[in-house]
Amino acid sequence: MTSAQMRDLEQASFKRGITVDDLMQRAGAAVAEAASALGRPVLVLVGPGNNGGDGVVAAQALHESGLEASLYTFKRDREEPFAGTVFSADEDPARDILRSVCSSSGVFVDALLGTGQNRPPDEDLSSILTVVNESRGTATLRIAVDVPTGIDADSGEVLGICFEADRTICMAAAKLGVVSYPGAAHAGEVTVANIGIPEDLLEEIRVSTPEPSDISGLLPVRDPDSNKGSSGRLELIAGSRDFSGAPVMCSMAAYRAGAGLVEIATPRSVHHIVAAHVVEPVFRPLAEVDGSVGSDALDSVEDAFSKAKACVVGPGLGLTDATVSFMRGLLALIKKREIPCLIDADGLNALAKIDRWWELGTNNLVLTPHPGEMSRLAGRSIREIQQDRLSTAREHAEKWNATVVLKGAGTVIASPAGEAVINSTGGPNLATAGTGDVLSGVIGALLVQGLSPFHASVCGVYLHGRAGDLLRAEIGDIGTLASDLIDALPEARLSILEQAEVTT
């Protein structure tokens, strides 16, 4: 949710009789509940606006519960309904009082600015944040209200010094700045508090961050009498003489994510190399040109499409004139057969060489570019794409009539209809070769099990990231292999289902 959308939601709520005080009381109660969990003294930093008001309500609730709580106010020139101790930044220019209060507090709450931040903190505010961050070793828990101070609420840009949070409590819905990088790296765990905004108004917000309960509702469930045919047949068009590992990883990821049968269509000279590493898939050797698939393979692929429920094309395909010609013909086949298809890697690079490819009438496409591939497809610099990943994905999903999965930290999934999701799972351990091939296999498996392109992408990205999170918890940020990720997929699926049960 953007800051403007939050303001619109509040205004719409006011027209239904909900007051500012109603929202503030619920927001403050949510913050107080989180801050009281450790039973330690709480320091609440409050600023001039409604975000500061949330902090005041939280401090008063903590005080009334018998927990020691103090307010430290910044540019807040109003009487506060708080019976505890209040310190003013105006009366503490050297920040000595703040240092002392920090040293005796076990929980810090940042209610200084909240949403609407779009410029660097001024000198006074920077000095407060500096002291608080330097004192964070004494705090067991650091909570930000809506958005950590110093983070652009909409873009996630770090505007200078910022509050380093362990947890950010967003009111009504997650704010873009705390689920988009680099802001997400400073927000800690992001949770959402229900403050009484009517549900029908919230449903109009078309950017979300999925929770385990959202994903569990999408994950396919096998009937007791299922067979490999009913679980879905995936056609995987992948591999070349120089990249024979991609179809191995993609096919096995598809099996681990629930596909009933995977057929690997790969250049004839590559078939025996891939087959030496996997025994579960079946194979369709394709006509080739110098070790890469060529346009003469289209007849065989059309036959394969008569049996498959979805296809994945691109991993390890190579980029030659022959593969570009093949991709041009494949688009026509996808349209003719109306088969859902995910295009990744060199499949995307080939599309970038086909003039106005999206006008060929294709539909049911999932495109999974990383920023470099998106740059080639969209004709924009990587820097421009990374500065506004959400808008880039949404704009091109509509233009191309395809679901766009813009990979990276905080992967964005956008549908042609304008829906968008920013994924919250996954971490730096996924920055290694082959993890994109694994993701393609996961999404492909969900497509053949009946999910729509958008839902398969949302669910697949979340599941893929969750598998990475499980591995990261075991071995850290470095050392994960794409093959490790494949083996972790079933456990990741179970963990999502278990988390969903706990929270519902």
Protein backbone atom coordinates (compact mmCIF):
# COMPACT_ATOMS: atom_id res chain seq x y z
CA MET A 1 0.00 0.00 0.00
CA THR A 2 1.24 3.49 -0.80
CA SER A 3 0.97 6.42 1.60
CA ALA A 4 -1.61 8.04 -0.71
CA GLN A 5 -3.71 4.88 -0.68
CA MET A 6 -3.58 4.86 3.12
CA ARG A 7 -4.82 8.45 3.24
CA ASP A 8 -7.65 7.58 0.85
CA LEU A 9 -8.62 4.59 2.99
CA GLU A 10 -8.74 6.75 6.10
CA GLN A 11 -10.92 9.35 4.37
CA ALA A 12 -13.28 6.68 3.09
CA SER A 13 -13.47 5.22 6.61
CA PHE A 14 -14.27 8.62 8.11
CA LYS A 15 -17.26 8.91 5.75
CA ARG A 16 -18.61 5.70 7.30
CA GLY A 17 -18.46 7.12 10.80
CA ILE A 18 -15.07 5.82 11.85
CA THR A 19 -13.06 8.54 13.58
CA VAL A 20 -9.36 9.36 13.74
CA ASP A 21 -9.49 8.49 17.43
CA ASP A 22 -11.01 5.07 16.63
CA LEU A 23 -8.13 4.23 14.28
CA MET A 24 -5.52 5.63 16.63
CA GLN A 25 -6.80 3.68 19.64
CA ARG A 26 -6.66 0.40 17.73
CA ALA A 27 -3.25 1.18 16.27
CA GLY A 28 -1.85 2.12 19.67
CA ALA A 29 -3.27 -1.02 21.25
CA ALA A 30 -1.54 -3.17 18.62
CA VAL A 31 1.78 -1.46 19.26
CA ALA A 32 1.37 -1.74 23.03
CA GLU A 33 0.65 -5.45 22.78
CA ALA A 34 3.86 -6.03 20.83
CA ALA A 35 5.96 -3.79 23.07
CA SER A 36 4.73 -5.42 26.30
CA ALA A 37 5.61 -8.97 25.27
CA LEU A 38 9.03 -8.85 26.94
CA GLY A 39 7.92 -7.08 30.12
CA ARG A 40 10.80 -4.59 29.92
CA PRO A 41 10.75 -0.75 30.15
CA VAL A 42 9.63 0.85 26.89
CA LEU A 43 10.86 4.08 25.28
CA VAL A 44 8.39 5.50 22.75
CA LEU A 45 9.72 8.09 20.31
CA VAL A 46 6.83 10.25 19.06
CA GLY A 47 6.72 12.78 16.26
CA PRO A 48 4.31 15.54 15.28
CA GLY A 49 1.62 13.64 13.32
CA ASN A 50 -0.82 10.77 13.67
CA ASN A 51 2.03 8.27 13.76
CA GLY A 52 3.18 9.99 16.94
CA GLY A 53 -0.41 9.81 18.19
CA ASP A 54 -0.32 6.04 17.76
CA GLY A 55 2.81 6.03 19.89
CA VAL A 56 1.20 8.11 22.63
CA VAL A 57 -1.80 5.77 22.81
CA ALA A 58 0.58 2.81 23.01
CA ALA A 59 2.59 4.41 25.81
CA GLN A 60 -0.56 5.19 27.81
CA ALA A 61 -1.81 1.62 27.41
CA LEU A 62 1.56 0.30 28.59
CA HIS A 63 1.54 2.66 31.57
CA GLU A 64 -1.98 1.62 32.57
CA SER A 65 -0.95 -2.03 32.41
CA GLY A 66 1.75 -1.35 35.00
CA LEU A 67 4.70 -1.50 32.61
CA GLU A 68 7.25 1.30 32.77
CA ALA A 69 6.97 3.51 29.65
CA SER A 70 8.48 6.86 28.69
CA LEU A 71 7.78 9.30 25.86
CA TYR A 72 10.46 11.20 23.99
CA THR A 73 8.78 13.83 21.82
CA PHE A 74 10.05 15.47 18.63
CA LYS A 75 8.33 18.63 17.31
CA ARG A 76 5.13 17.64 19.07
CA ASP A 77 3.57 20.83 20.46
CA ARG A 78 0.43 19.46 22.03
CA GLU A 79 -0.70 18.25 25.45
CA GLU A 80 -0.44 14.50 25.62
CA PRO A 81 -2.96 12.33 27.53
CA PHE A 82 -0.11 10.41 29.11
CA ALA A 83 0.40 9.94 32.82
CA GLY A 84 3.99 8.75 32.61
CA THR A 85 7.30 10.52 32.08
CA VAL A 86 7.66 12.77 29.03
CA PHE A 87 10.96 14.10 27.69
CA SER A 88 11.20 16.68 24.93
CA ALA A 89 13.87 16.77 22.23
CA ASP A 90 13.67 20.58 22.33
CA GLU A 91 14.94 20.50 25.91
CA ASP A 92 17.68 17.95 25.14
CA PRO A 93 19.89 19.48 22.40
CA ALA A 94 22.91 17.36 23.32
CA ARG A 95 20.73 14.21 23.52
CA ASP A 96 22.15 13.34 26.95
CA ILE A 97 18.67 12.68 28.34
CA LEU A 98 17.90 10.43 25.37
CA ARG A 99 21.10 8.44 25.93
CA SER A 100 20.19 7.95 29.58
CA VAL A 101 16.63 6.84 28.84
CA CYS A 102 17.88 4.48 26.11
CA SER A 103 20.30 2.85 28.51
CA SER A 104 17.49 1.94 30.91
CA SER A 105 14.94 0.81 28.30
CA GLY A 106 14.60 -2.68 26.89
CA VAL A 107 12.19 -1.85 24.04
CA PHE A 108 12.33 1.09 21.61
CA VAL A 109 9.25 2.15 19.64
CA ASP A 110 9.68 4.42 16.63
CA ALA A 111 6.52 6.52 16.13
CA LEU A 112 8.32 9.57 14.78
CA LEU A 113 7.12 9.98 11.18
CA GLY A 114 5.42 6.91 9.70
CA THR A 115 3.99 7.13 6.18
CA GLY A 116 4.56 10.09 3.91
CA GLN A 117 8.33 10.22 4.33
CA ASN A 118 10.05 11.28 1.14
CA ARG A 119 13.04 13.36 2.18
CA PRO A 120 16.06 12.84 4.45
CA PRO A 121 15.67 13.42 8.20
CA ASP A 122 16.76 16.89 9.25
CA GLU A 123 19.72 17.48 11.53
CA ASP A 124 17.72 17.26 14.76
CA LEU A 125 15.95 14.08 13.78
CA SER A 126 19.18 12.56 12.51
CA SER A 127 20.80 13.16 15.88
CA ILE A 128 17.93 11.34 17.61
CA LEU A 129 18.19 8.37 15.27
CA THR A 130 21.96 8.26 15.72
CA VAL A 131 21.67 8.00 19.50
CA VAL A 132 18.90 5.40 19.32
CA ASN A 133 20.79 3.25 16.82
CA GLU A 134 23.99 3.49 18.83
CA SER A 135 22.04 2.35 21.90
CA ARG A 136 20.34 -0.57 20.21
CA GLY A 137 22.58 -3.05 22.01
CA THR A 138 20.61 -2.31 25.19
CA ALA A 139 17.24 -2.87 23.49
CA THR A 140 15.94 -6.41 23.25
CA LEU A 141 13.29 -5.29 20.74
CA ARG A 142 13.03 -2.34 18.34
CA ILE A 143 9.58 -1.69 16.88
CA ALA A 144 8.70 0.72 14.06
CA VAL A 145 5.14 1.94 13.60
CA ASP A 146 4.10 1.65 9.92
CA VAL A 147 7.51 2.61 8.44
CA PRO A 148 10.92 3.01 10.13
CA THR A 149 11.87 6.66 10.27
CA GLY A 150 14.30 7.46 7.46
CA ILE A 151 12.71 5.07 4.91
CA ASP A 152 10.66 6.37 1.97
CA ALA A 153 7.22 4.92 2.66
CA ASP A 154 6.50 4.21 -1.00
CA SER A 155 9.81 3.31 -2.65
CA GLY A 156 11.79 1.77 0.22
CA GLU A 157 14.66 4.17 -0.45
CA VAL A 158 16.89 4.84 2.56
CA LEU A 159 16.78 8.62 2.86
CA GLY A 160 19.84 8.95 5.08
CA ILE A 161 20.10 7.57 8.58
CA CYS A 162 17.13 5.40 9.51
CA PHE A 163 15.69 3.59 12.51
CA GLU A 164 16.93 0.00 12.55
CA ALA A 165 13.86 -2.09 13.42
CA ASP A 166 13.52 -5.71 14.50
CA ARG A 167 9.82 -5.53 13.73
CA THR A 168 7.57 -3.14 11.82
CA ILE A 169 3.86 -3.06 12.59
CA CYS A 170 1.92 -1.75 9.59
CA MET A 171 -1.55 -0.39 10.13
CA ALA A 172 -4.28 -1.94 7.92
CA ALA A 173 -1.87 -3.16 5.22
CA ALA A 174 1.85 -3.50 4.57
CA LYS A 175 3.42 -0.32 3.21
CA LEU A 176 5.48 -0.58 0.05
CA GLY A 177 8.55 0.94 1.67
CA VAL A 178 8.94 -1.94 4.13
CA VAL A 179 8.50 -4.76 1.62
CA SER A 180 10.63 -3.15 -1.10
CA TYR A 181 14.42 -3.13 -0.89
CA PRO A 182 16.51 -1.53 0.46
CA GLY A 183 13.90 -0.44 3.03
CA ALA A 184 12.89 -4.02 3.78
CA ALA A 185 16.42 -4.71 5.06
CA HIS A 186 15.84 -2.17 7.87
CA ALA A 187 12.24 -3.11 8.74
CA GLY A 188 12.79 -6.51 10.34
CA GLU A 189 9.73 -8.74 10.57
CA VAL A 190 6.72 -7.02 8.99
CA THR A 191 3.29 -7.65 10.51
CA VAL A 192 -0.09 -6.05 9.80
CA ALA A 193 -2.48 -4.79 12.49
CA ASN A 194 -6.24 -4.64 11.97
CA ILE A 195 -7.28 -1.11 12.98
CA GLY A 196 -10.89 -1.28 11.82
CA ILE A 197 -10.65 -0.20 8.18
CA PRO A 198 -13.69 -1.84 6.49
CA GLU A 199 -12.75 -5.02 4.64
CA ASP A 200 -14.41 -3.99 1.39
CA LEU A 201 -12.21 -0.89 1.27
CA LEU A 202 -9.08 -2.94 1.89
CA GLU A 203 -10.00 -5.28 -0.96
CA GLU A 204 -9.62 -2.36 -3.36
CA ILE A 205 -5.92 -2.15 -2.54
CA ARG A 206 -4.36 -4.13 -5.35
CA VAL A 207 -0.81 -4.50 -4.04
CA SER A 208 -0.29 -7.03 -1.29
CA THR A 209 2.30 -9.15 0.46
CA PRO A 210 1.06 -12.72 0.84
CA GLU A 211 0.93 -14.49 4.18
CA PRO A 212 1.17 -18.28 4.72
CA SER A 213 -2.63 -18.46 4.95
CA ASP A 214 -2.93 -16.83 1.51
CA ILE A 215 -0.52 -19.34 -0.03
CA SER A 216 -1.96 -22.38 1.72
CA GLY A 217 -5.29 -21.59 0.11
CA LEU A 218 -3.65 -21.75 -3.32
CA LEU A 219 -1.47 -24.83 -2.93
CA PRO A 220 -2.93 -27.77 -4.88
CA VAL A 221 -4.12 -30.78 -2.90
CA ARG A 222 -4.04 -34.29 -4.38
CA ASP A 223 -7.12 -36.46 -4.20
CA PRO A 224 -6.64 -39.98 -2.82
CA ASP A 225 -7.21 -41.47 -6.28
CA SER A 226 -4.76 -39.14 -8.07
CA ASN A 227 -2.39 -40.42 -10.73
CA LYS A 228 0.46 -38.89 -12.67
CA GLY A 229 -1.91 -37.81 -15.40
CA SER A 230 -4.30 -36.00 -13.08
CA SER A 231 -1.35 -34.33 -11.34
CA GLY A 232 -0.39 -32.66 -14.62
CA ARG A 233 2.05 -33.14 -17.49
CA LEU A 234 4.63 -30.39 -18.00
CA GLU A 235 6.50 -29.85 -21.25
CA LEU A 236 9.96 -28.41 -20.55
CA ILE A 237 11.79 -26.99 -23.55
CA ALA A 238 15.28 -26.33 -22.27
CA GLY A 239 18.98 -26.96 -22.57
CA SER A 240 21.70 -26.57 -25.18
CA ARG A 241 25.20 -27.85 -25.72
CA ASP A 242 26.65 -25.20 -23.40
CA PHE A 243 23.89 -25.34 -20.74
CA SER A 244 22.86 -28.90 -20.03
CA GLY A 245 22.30 -28.45 -16.28
CA ALA A 246 19.28 -26.15 -16.55
CA PRO A 247 16.77 -28.81 -17.67
CA VAL A 248 18.01 -31.11 -14.89
CA MET A 249 17.28 -28.57 -12.16
CA CYS A 250 14.06 -27.29 -13.69
CA SER A 251 12.56 -30.75 -14.19
CA MET A 252 13.39 -31.97 -10.69
CA ALA A 253 12.01 -28.79 -9.13
CA ALA A 254 8.77 -29.38 -11.04
CA TYR A 255 8.50 -32.89 -9.66
CA ARG A 256 9.23 -31.72 -6.11
CA ALA A 257 6.50 -29.06 -6.50
CA GLY A 258 3.91 -31.63 -7.51
CA ALA A 259 3.96 -32.14 -11.27
CA GLY A 260 2.82 -35.64 -12.21
CA LEU A 261 5.02 -36.02 -15.28
CA VAL A 262 7.72 -33.87 -16.87
CA GLU A 263 8.83 -34.30 -20.46
CA ILE A 264 12.13 -32.64 -21.33
CA ALA A 265 12.33 -31.45 -24.92
CA THR A 266 16.00 -30.73 -25.56
CA PRO A 267 18.40 -30.74 -28.54
CA ARG A 268 19.17 -34.27 -29.70
CA SER A 269 22.89 -34.01 -28.91
CA VAL A 270 22.13 -32.86 -25.35
CA HIS A 271 19.60 -35.58 -24.53
CA HIS A 272 22.08 -38.20 -23.34
CA ILE A 273 23.90 -35.67 -21.08
CA VAL A 274 20.70 -34.64 -19.32
CA ALA A 275 19.42 -38.22 -19.12
CA ALA A 276 22.61 -39.24 -17.31
CA HIS A 277 21.64 -36.98 -14.39
CA VAL A 278 17.89 -37.52 -14.03
CA VAL A 279 15.81 -40.66 -14.36
CA GLU A 280 12.30 -39.41 -13.55
CA PRO A 281 11.52 -37.29 -16.67
CA VAL A 282 10.72 -38.60 -20.11
CA PHE A 283 12.48 -37.13 -23.14
CA ARG A 284 11.73 -35.64 -26.52
CA PRO A 285 14.96 -35.11 -28.51
CA LEU A 286 14.63 -32.07 -30.78
CA ALA A 287 16.09 -31.06 -34.11
CA GLU A 288 18.97 -28.68 -33.56
CA VAL A 289 21.38 -26.23 -35.11
CA ASP A 290 24.92 -26.35 -33.64
CA GLY A 291 23.78 -27.67 -30.27
CA SER A 292 20.76 -25.36 -29.87
CA VAL A 293 17.12 -25.95 -30.68
CA GLY A 294 16.06 -24.83 -34.15
CA SER A 295 12.79 -23.98 -35.89
CA ASP A 296 12.64 -27.48 -37.40
CA ALA A 297 11.74 -28.70 -33.89
CA LEU A 298 8.37 -26.94 -33.91
CA ASP A 299 6.42 -29.89 -35.32
CA SER A 300 7.64 -32.10 -32.50
CA VAL A 301 6.80 -29.44 -29.93
CA GLU A 302 3.30 -29.05 -31.36
CA ASP A 303 2.77 -32.78 -30.87
CA ALA A 304 3.99 -32.46 -27.29
CA PHE A 305 1.54 -29.61 -26.65
CA SER A 306 -1.35 -31.94 -27.48
CA LYS A 307 -0.56 -33.89 -24.30
CA ALA A 308 0.84 -31.25 -21.93
CA LYS A 309 -1.16 -29.01 -19.59
CA ALA A 310 1.51 -26.28 -19.55
CA CYS A 311 5.03 -25.62 -20.75
CA VAL A 312 8.22 -23.99 -19.55
CA VAL A 313 10.64 -22.72 -22.17
CA GLY A 314 14.01 -21.04 -21.94
CA PRO A 315 16.25 -22.42 -19.18
CA GLY A 316 19.66 -23.11 -20.74
CA LEU A 317 18.21 -22.71 -24.25
CA GLY A 318 21.10 -20.63 -25.56
CA LEU A 319 20.75 -17.53 -27.70
CA THR A 320 21.35 -17.99 -31.44
CA ASP A 321 19.57 -17.01 -34.63
CA ALA A 322 18.04 -20.51 -34.57
CA THR A 323 16.57 -20.08 -31.06
CA VAL A 324 15.12 -16.67 -31.97
CA SER A 325 13.44 -18.27 -35.00
CA PHE A 326 12.19 -21.11 -32.80
CA MET A 327 10.72 -18.68 -30.25
CA ARG A 328 8.89 -16.77 -32.98
CA GLY A 329 7.23 -19.99 -34.11
CA LEU A 330 6.59 -21.10 -30.54
CA LEU A 331 4.53 -17.98 -29.82
CA ALA A 332 2.21 -18.98 -32.66
CA LEU A 333 1.91 -22.49 -31.22
CA ILE A 334 1.12 -21.18 -27.75
CA LYS A 335 -1.66 -19.06 -29.22
CA LYS A 336 -2.99 -21.94 -31.33
CA ARG A 337 -3.01 -24.47 -28.51
CA GLU A 338 -4.00 -21.95 -25.78
CA ILE A 339 -1.53 -23.60 -23.43
CA PRO A 340 -0.17 -21.77 -20.35
CA CYS A 341 3.53 -21.15 -20.84
CA LEU A 342 6.33 -19.79 -18.68
CA ILE A 343 9.21 -18.13 -20.52
CA ASP A 344 12.52 -17.65 -18.73
CA ALA A 345 16.21 -17.01 -19.31
CA ASP A 346 17.25 -17.26 -22.98
CA GLY A 347 13.62 -17.59 -23.97
CA LEU A 348 13.22 -14.02 -22.72
CA ASN A 349 16.41 -12.89 -24.42
CA ALA A 350 15.08 -14.31 -27.67
CA LEU A 351 11.80 -12.43 -27.22
CA ALA A 352 13.78 -9.21 -26.86
CA LYS A 353 15.07 -9.79 -30.41
CA ILE A 354 11.57 -10.22 -31.89
CA ASP A 355 10.03 -6.88 -32.85
CA ARG A 356 6.78 -6.21 -30.96
CA TRP A 357 6.47 -9.87 -30.04
CA TRP A 358 3.57 -9.18 -27.68
CA GLU A 359 1.35 -8.26 -30.63
CA LEU A 360 1.40 -11.82 -31.92
CA GLY A 361 -1.75 -12.53 -29.95
CA THR A 362 -0.33 -14.72 -27.20
CA ASN A 363 -2.02 -15.17 -23.83
CA ASN A 364 -1.62 -17.24 -20.64
CA LEU A 365 2.06 -16.28 -20.46
CA VAL A 366 4.29 -16.02 -17.41
CA LEU A 367 7.53 -14.09 -17.91
CA THR A 368 10.20 -14.41 -15.20
CA PRO A 369 12.94 -11.85 -15.93
CA HIS A 370 15.71 -10.76 -13.62
CA PRO A 371 16.54 -7.02 -13.92
CA GLY A 372 19.03 -7.58 -16.75
CA GLU A 373 16.53 -9.55 -18.81
CA MET A 374 13.83 -6.99 -18.01
CA SER A 375 16.15 -4.28 -19.25
CA ARG A 376 16.48 -5.99 -22.61
CA LEU A 377 12.76 -6.70 -22.88
CA ALA A 378 11.56 -3.25 -21.82
CA GLY A 379 14.33 -1.16 -23.39
CA ARG A 380 15.13 0.52 -20.08
CA SER A 381 18.26 0.68 -17.97
CA ILE A 382 18.63 -1.65 -15.02
CA ARG A 383 18.91 1.39 -12.76
CA GLU A 384 15.60 2.77 -14.00
CA ILE A 385 13.92 -0.60 -13.49
CA GLN A 386 15.29 -1.04 -9.98
CA GLN A 387 14.22 2.44 -8.93
CA ASP A 388 10.56 1.54 -9.43
CA ARG A 389 10.22 -2.21 -9.71
CA LEU A 390 6.51 -2.27 -8.93
CA SER A 391 5.47 0.22 -11.62
CA THR A 392 7.78 -1.41 -14.15
CA ALA A 393 6.26 -4.85 -13.59
CA ARG A 394 2.67 -3.59 -13.62
CA GLU A 395 3.11 -1.46 -16.71
CA HIS A 396 4.63 -4.26 -18.76
CA ALA A 397 2.27 -6.95 -17.51
CA GLU A 398 -0.54 -4.87 -18.96
CA LYS A 399 1.37 -3.99 -22.15
CA TRP A 400 2.42 -7.58 -22.84
CA ASN A 401 -0.83 -9.20 -21.60
CA ALA A 402 1.28 -11.50 -19.44
CA THR A 403 1.99 -12.20 -15.80
CA VAL A 404 5.38 -10.63 -15.06
CA VAL A 405 7.61 -12.00 -12.29
CA LEU A 406 10.33 -9.39 -11.82
CA LYS A 407 12.88 -11.35 -9.82
CA GLY A 408 15.21 -10.01 -7.16
CA ALA A 409 15.02 -8.99 -3.52
CA GLY A 410 11.30 -8.43 -3.00
CA THR A 411 10.22 -10.18 -6.22
CA VAL A 412 7.26 -8.39 -7.82
CA ILE A 413 4.48 -10.42 -9.45
CA ALA A 414 2.07 -8.42 -11.63
CA SER A 415 -0.93 -9.55 -13.66
CA PRO A 416 -2.30 -8.03 -16.89
CA ALA A 417 -5.38 -6.93 -14.91
CA GLY A 418 -3.32 -4.74 -12.56
CA GLU A 419 -3.03 -7.06 -9.56
CA ALA A 420 0.37 -6.99 -7.93
CA VAL A 421 2.15 -8.81 -5.13
CA ILE A 422 5.51 -8.15 -3.53
CA ASN A 423 6.97 -11.38 -2.19
CA SER A 424 8.38 -11.49 1.32
CA THR A 425 10.24 -14.83 1.35
CA GLY A 426 13.79 -15.61 0.23
CA GLY A 427 17.13 -14.04 1.00
CA PRO A 428 20.69 -13.50 -0.20
CA ASN A 429 21.47 -17.22 -0.14
CA LEU A 430 19.40 -17.54 -3.33
CA ALA A 431 21.91 -15.39 -5.24
CA THR A 432 23.55 -18.37 -6.91
CA ALA A 433 23.44 -20.10 -10.28
CA GLY A 434 20.45 -22.31 -11.02
CA THR A 435 17.93 -20.94 -8.52
CA GLY A 436 16.04 -19.25 -11.37
CA ASP A 437 15.76 -22.61 -13.13
CA VAL A 438 14.32 -24.06 -9.94
CA LEU A 439 11.73 -21.26 -9.76
CA SER A 440 10.66 -21.91 -13.35
CA GLY A 441 10.10 -25.57 -12.52
CA VAL A 442 8.08 -24.72 -9.42
CA ILE A 443 5.77 -22.30 -11.22
CA GLY A 444 5.45 -24.71 -14.14
CA ALA A 445 4.38 -27.48 -11.76
CA LEU A 446 1.68 -25.24 -10.28
CA LEU A 447 0.43 -24.35 -13.75
CA VAL A 448 -0.08 -28.01 -14.68
CA GLN A 449 -1.92 -28.55 -11.40
CA GLY A 450 -4.52 -26.02 -12.47
CA LEU A 451 -3.49 -22.68 -10.97
CA SER A 452 -3.90 -19.54 -13.06
CA PRO A 453 -0.71 -17.91 -14.36
CA PHE A 454 -0.93 -15.18 -11.70
CA HIS A 455 -1.72 -17.50 -8.78
CA ALA A 456 0.87 -20.05 -9.89
CA SER A 457 3.46 -17.27 -9.94
CA VAL A 458 2.51 -15.83 -6.55
CA CYS A 459 2.44 -19.27 -4.94
CA GLY A 460 5.59 -20.48 -6.72
CA VAL A 461 7.71 -17.48 -5.80
CA TYR A 462 6.61 -17.70 -2.16
CA LEU A 463 7.29 -21.46 -1.98
CA HIS A 464 10.67 -21.06 -3.67
CA GLY A 465 11.65 -18.32 -1.23
CA ARG A 466 10.41 -20.29 1.76
CA ALA A 467 12.64 -23.21 0.76
CA GLY A 468 15.53 -20.74 0.66
CA ASP A 469 14.62 -19.43 4.10
CA LEU A 470 14.73 -22.93 5.59
CA LEU A 471 18.21 -23.49 4.14
CA ARG A 472 19.40 -20.07 5.25
CA ALA A 473 18.35 -20.85 8.82
CA GLU A 474 20.56 -23.94 8.71
CA ILE A 475 23.70 -22.78 6.88
CA GLY A 476 23.55 -18.99 6.59
CA ASP A 477 23.68 -16.58 3.66
CA ILE A 478 26.35 -18.41 1.68
CA GLY A 479 26.57 -22.01 0.55
CA THR A 480 23.09 -22.84 -0.72
CA LEU A 481 23.06 -24.74 -4.02
CA ALA A 482 20.18 -24.83 -6.46
CA SER A 483 20.00 -28.60 -5.92
CA ASP A 484 19.65 -28.00 -2.15
CA LEU A 485 16.69 -25.77 -2.91
CA ILE A 486 14.98 -28.50 -4.91
CA ASP A 487 15.22 -30.98 -2.04
CA ALA A 488 13.86 -28.39 0.42
CA LEU A 489 10.65 -27.71 -1.54
CA PRO A 490 8.45 -30.40 0.08
CA GLU A 491 9.47 -29.30 3.58
CA ALA A 492 8.81 -25.68 2.60
CA ARG A 493 5.32 -26.60 1.43
CA LEU A 494 4.57 -28.37 4.72
CA SER A 495 5.90 -25.44 6.74
CA ILE A 496 3.58 -23.04 4.91
CA LEU A 497 0.58 -25.24 5.64
CA GLU A 498 1.59 -25.55 9.30
CA GLN A 499 2.09 -21.78 9.67
CA ALA A 500 -1.29 -21.13 8.12
CA GLU A 501 -2.97 -23.46 10.62
CA VAL A 502 -1.36 -21.64 13.54
CA THR A 503 -2.50 -18.20 12.37
CA THR A 504 -6.08 -19.12 11.47
